[in-house]
Amino acid sequence: MTSQKPSSGKTRSGSRPTGRRLSTAPARALSDGTASTAASPFAAGTPAPFAAEPAAPHSGGLDRYDIAILRELQQAARLSNAELALRIGLSPAPTWRRVRWLEDQGYIRGYRAEIDRHKIGLGVLAFVRLDAERNTGEATRVLEEAIRRIPEVIACHYISGSGTFELQVMTTDLDAFSRLALETLLNLPNVKDIHTSFALGEVKAGATLPLGHLERR
């Protein structure tokens, strides 16, 4: 990479001096390798100098650069590849290769927009426990397939203790939830009963996954 000294300490409004020539249209860190013409703002502070990529970066699992990529993309998945490289301290080419490797290995499963449910009219969040009549393998498989086809169910988990499944359900209002419960949830195959609790407020949602345990290995 060619370095260029700044001519003076003066900068344009909204920018900062740097000892590195930066592209105004960096390539995004996407699986298809296409380039974006939209420039992204840079993080505050002086970027770390680019480091040489380790010879075998994935021979023993995730290293500190992989973990740094996961942390940055969880916070801002639309980072350009050039900006991501600056933040983790690698040059753009190995950064792009690492992102592709993380995608290919299934660590990064996709990139999605986080939508404010209240702004699109989904005012009710309900936690629904389903009690099944019997827990045979075939009956459970049929119930799972039926649950996956309900768009209002945004998450579903097996649970311990009483009940079989714990569902997170979003609807526009209580009337809409009541119709869904009576017409759909109670009529699911092998369902005996449902128990519902409603969210009264949101303290934390859409949080990033913790990565500290990976750094302690």
Protein backbone atom coordinates (compact mmCIF):
# COMPACT_ATOMS: atom_id res chain seq x y z
CA MET A 1 0.00 0.00 0.00
CA THR A 2 1.33 3.43 -0.94
CA SER A 3 1.53 5.94 1.91
CA GLN A 4 1.09 9.68 1.46
CA LYS A 5 2.01 12.36 3.98
CA PRO A 6 -0.62 15.02 4.61
CA SER A 7 0.41 18.41 3.26
CA SER A 8 -0.67 20.22 6.42
CA GLY A 9 -2.67 19.81 9.61
CA LYS A 10 -5.69 21.47 7.98
CA THR A 11 -8.54 19.29 6.90
CA ARG A 12 -11.90 19.71 5.26
CA SER A 13 -14.94 20.05 7.46
CA GLY A 14 -15.97 16.68 8.89
CA SER A 15 -12.64 14.98 8.07
CA ARG A 16 -9.37 14.38 9.89
CA PRO A 17 -5.72 14.21 8.89
CA THR A 18 -4.36 10.79 8.07
CA GLY A 19 -1.15 9.25 6.85
CA ARG A 20 -2.98 6.88 4.50
CA ARG A 21 -4.69 7.46 1.18
CA LEU A 22 -8.33 6.35 1.49
CA SER A 23 -10.69 5.41 -1.29
CA THR A 24 -13.91 7.41 -1.50
CA ALA A 25 -15.77 4.37 -2.80
CA PRO A 26 -14.45 1.29 -0.98
CA ALA A 27 -15.68 -2.21 -1.74
CA ARG A 28 -18.19 -3.63 0.70
CA ALA A 29 -17.48 -6.80 2.68
CA LEU A 30 -20.20 -8.80 0.93
CA SER A 31 -20.31 -12.43 -0.13
CA ASP A 32 -20.70 -11.61 -3.82
CA GLY A 33 -17.57 -9.45 -3.86
CA THR A 34 -19.35 -6.55 -5.59
CA ALA A 35 -18.28 -2.97 -5.04
CA SER A 36 -20.37 -0.16 -3.60
CA THR A 37 -20.07 3.48 -4.59
CA ALA A 38 -21.40 4.73 -1.25
CA ALA A 39 -18.70 5.93 1.11
CA SER A 40 -19.05 5.21 4.82
CA PRO A 41 -17.98 7.46 7.73
CA PHE A 42 -14.86 6.35 9.54
CA ALA A 43 -14.72 5.51 13.22
CA ALA A 44 -13.39 8.14 15.59
CA GLY A 45 -9.75 7.91 16.56
CA THR A 46 -6.62 7.08 14.62
CA PRO A 47 -6.87 3.76 12.76
CA ALA A 48 -4.45 1.03 13.70
CA PRO A 49 -1.67 0.38 11.17
CA PHE A 50 -2.27 -2.54 8.83
CA ALA A 51 -0.78 -5.78 10.10
CA ALA A 52 0.58 -8.68 8.11
CA GLU A 53 -1.87 -11.55 7.83
CA PRO A 54 -0.85 -14.67 9.76
CA ALA A 55 0.39 -17.48 7.52
CA ALA A 56 -2.37 -19.95 8.55
CA PRO A 57 -5.15 -17.80 10.01
CA HIS A 58 -7.73 -20.57 10.48
CA SER A 59 -5.69 -23.66 11.26
CA GLY A 60 -6.75 -23.61 14.93
CA GLY A 61 -10.19 -22.01 14.69
CA LEU A 62 -11.00 -18.33 15.03
CA ASP A 63 -8.16 -15.91 15.72
CA ARG A 64 -8.29 -12.35 16.98
CA TYR A 65 -8.89 -10.90 13.51
CA ASP A 66 -11.86 -13.20 12.88
CA ILE A 67 -13.33 -12.30 16.27
CA ALA A 68 -12.81 -8.60 15.53
CA ILE A 69 -14.63 -8.99 12.20
CA LEU A 70 -17.57 -10.70 13.89
CA ARG A 71 -17.74 -7.97 16.53
CA GLU A 72 -17.65 -5.12 14.00
CA LEU A 73 -20.17 -6.67 11.59
CA GLN A 74 -22.59 -7.41 14.43
CA GLN A 75 -22.55 -3.71 15.28
CA ALA A 76 -22.63 -2.42 11.69
CA ALA A 77 -23.13 -5.01 8.94
CA ARG A 78 -23.03 -2.36 6.21
CA LEU A 79 -19.38 -1.46 6.81
CA SER A 80 -17.37 -1.27 3.62
CA ASN A 81 -14.51 -3.74 3.33
CA ALA A 82 -12.01 -0.87 3.42
CA GLU A 83 -13.42 0.55 6.64
CA LEU A 84 -13.67 -2.90 8.21
CA ALA A 85 -10.00 -3.45 7.39
CA LEU A 86 -9.07 -0.18 9.10
CA ARG A 87 -11.00 -1.08 12.21
CA ILE A 88 -9.46 -4.52 12.68
CA GLY A 89 -5.93 -3.55 11.59
CA LEU A 90 -5.53 -5.67 8.43
CA SER A 91 -5.21 -4.66 4.81
CA PRO A 92 -8.37 -4.91 2.66
CA ALA A 93 -7.50 -8.08 0.69
CA PRO A 94 -7.03 -10.46 3.65
CA THR A 95 -9.99 -8.83 5.40
CA TRP A 96 -12.22 -9.64 2.43
CA ARG A 97 -10.92 -13.22 2.33
CA ARG A 98 -11.64 -13.66 6.03
CA VAL A 99 -15.20 -12.35 5.67
CA ARG A 100 -15.78 -14.80 2.82
CA TRP A 101 -14.34 -17.64 4.92
CA LEU A 102 -16.59 -16.75 7.88
CA GLU A 103 -19.58 -16.78 5.53
CA ASP A 104 -18.59 -20.07 3.88
CA GLN A 105 -18.04 -21.77 7.25
CA GLY A 106 -21.44 -20.64 8.54
CA TYR A 107 -20.23 -18.25 11.25
CA ILE A 108 -21.97 -15.41 9.38
CA ARG A 109 -25.38 -16.71 8.31
CA GLY A 110 -26.67 -13.55 6.66
CA TYR A 111 -27.12 -9.77 6.77
CA ARG A 112 -30.50 -8.36 7.75
CA ALA A 113 -32.13 -5.01 8.43
CA GLU A 114 -33.32 -4.46 12.00
CA ILE A 115 -36.80 -2.97 11.75
CA ASP A 116 -38.59 -1.04 14.49
CA ARG A 117 -41.73 -3.15 15.02
CA HIS A 118 -43.69 -0.24 16.51
CA LYS A 119 -43.16 1.90 13.39
CA ILE A 120 -44.70 -0.81 11.20
CA GLY A 121 -47.67 -1.32 13.50
CA LEU A 122 -46.70 -4.49 15.40
CA GLY A 123 -47.68 -3.30 18.85
CA VAL A 124 -48.10 -6.67 20.59
CA LEU A 125 -45.30 -9.05 21.52
CA ALA A 126 -46.51 -12.26 23.16
CA PHE A 127 -44.69 -15.23 24.66
CA VAL A 128 -46.75 -18.36 24.06
CA ARG A 129 -46.11 -21.77 25.60
CA LEU A 130 -47.59 -24.67 23.68
CA ASP A 131 -48.53 -27.87 25.53
CA ALA A 132 -48.55 -30.92 23.27
CA GLU A 133 -50.83 -33.95 23.56
CA ARG A 134 -47.98 -36.39 23.01
CA ASN A 135 -44.29 -36.06 22.30
CA THR A 136 -43.56 -38.69 19.69
CA GLY A 137 -41.00 -37.97 17.00
CA GLU A 138 -43.49 -37.84 14.14
CA ALA A 139 -46.03 -35.71 16.04
CA THR A 140 -43.30 -33.25 17.02
CA ARG A 141 -42.00 -33.01 13.44
CA VAL A 142 -45.49 -32.23 12.10
CA LEU A 143 -46.00 -29.55 14.77
CA GLU A 144 -42.61 -27.97 14.00
CA GLU A 145 -43.46 -27.70 10.30
CA ALA A 146 -46.81 -26.09 11.09
CA ILE A 147 -45.19 -23.54 13.42
CA ARG A 148 -42.60 -22.57 10.78
CA ARG A 149 -45.40 -21.63 8.37
CA ILE A 150 -46.91 -18.99 10.70
CA PRO A 151 -45.41 -15.57 9.85
CA GLU A 152 -46.47 -14.02 13.16
CA VAL A 153 -44.22 -16.49 15.01
CA ILE A 154 -40.80 -14.83 14.92
CA ALA A 155 -38.99 -17.35 17.16
CA CYS A 156 -39.66 -20.80 18.57
CA HIS A 157 -37.67 -22.89 21.07
CA TYR A 158 -37.92 -26.23 22.79
CA ILE A 159 -38.17 -25.66 26.53
CA SER A 160 -37.57 -27.73 29.64
CA GLY A 161 -40.19 -28.23 32.33
CA SER A 162 -43.87 -27.99 31.51
CA GLY A 163 -44.87 -27.37 27.94
CA THR A 164 -43.16 -28.28 24.70
CA PHE A 165 -42.48 -25.09 22.74
CA GLU A 166 -42.00 -21.43 23.66
CA LEU A 167 -43.06 -19.06 20.88
CA GLN A 168 -42.47 -15.36 20.38
CA VAL A 169 -45.42 -13.93 18.50
CA MET A 170 -45.98 -10.43 17.08
CA THR A 171 -49.31 -8.99 16.03
CA THR A 172 -50.75 -5.54 15.45
CA ASP A 173 -53.02 -5.51 18.51
CA LEU A 174 -54.77 -7.72 21.07
CA ASP A 175 -57.71 -8.39 18.76
CA ALA A 176 -55.32 -9.67 16.10
CA PHE A 177 -53.57 -11.88 18.66
CA SER A 178 -56.89 -13.26 19.88
CA ARG A 179 -57.85 -14.25 16.33
CA LEU A 180 -54.45 -15.85 15.77
CA ALA A 181 -54.69 -17.83 19.01
CA LEU A 182 -58.25 -19.09 18.37
CA GLU A 183 -58.00 -19.72 14.65
CA THR A 184 -54.39 -20.88 14.28
CA LEU A 185 -52.42 -21.66 17.45
CA LEU A 186 -55.10 -23.75 19.19
CA ASN A 187 -55.70 -25.63 15.94
CA LEU A 188 -52.09 -26.65 15.43
CA PRO A 189 -51.64 -30.43 15.20
CA ASN A 190 -51.02 -32.16 18.53
CA VAL A 191 -51.57 -28.99 20.63
CA LYS A 192 -53.49 -29.47 23.87
CA ASP A 193 -53.36 -25.98 25.37
CA ILE A 194 -51.58 -22.62 25.14
CA HIS A 195 -50.42 -20.22 27.87
CA THR A 196 -49.67 -16.61 26.98
CA SER A 197 -47.76 -13.72 28.57
CA PHE A 198 -47.54 -10.26 27.01
CA ALA A 199 -44.54 -7.94 26.96
CA LEU A 200 -45.31 -4.68 28.78
CA GLY A 201 -42.06 -2.99 27.79
CA GLU A 202 -38.79 -3.64 26.01
CA VAL A 203 -35.55 -3.37 27.98
CA LYS A 204 -33.17 -5.05 25.54
CA ALA A 205 -33.80 -6.54 22.11
CA GLY A 206 -31.79 -7.40 19.02
CA ALA A 207 -28.60 -7.62 21.06
CA THR A 208 -25.29 -8.76 19.58
CA LEU A 209 -23.93 -12.15 20.58
CA PRO A 210 -21.25 -12.19 23.31
CA LEU A 211 -17.75 -13.02 21.99
CA GLY A 212 -15.59 -12.66 25.10
CA HIS A 213 -15.37 -16.43 25.61
CA LEU A 214 -13.66 -16.76 22.20
CA GLU A 215 -10.91 -14.36 23.19
CA ARG A 216 -10.12 -16.32 26.36
CA ARG A 217 -9.35 -19.56 24.52
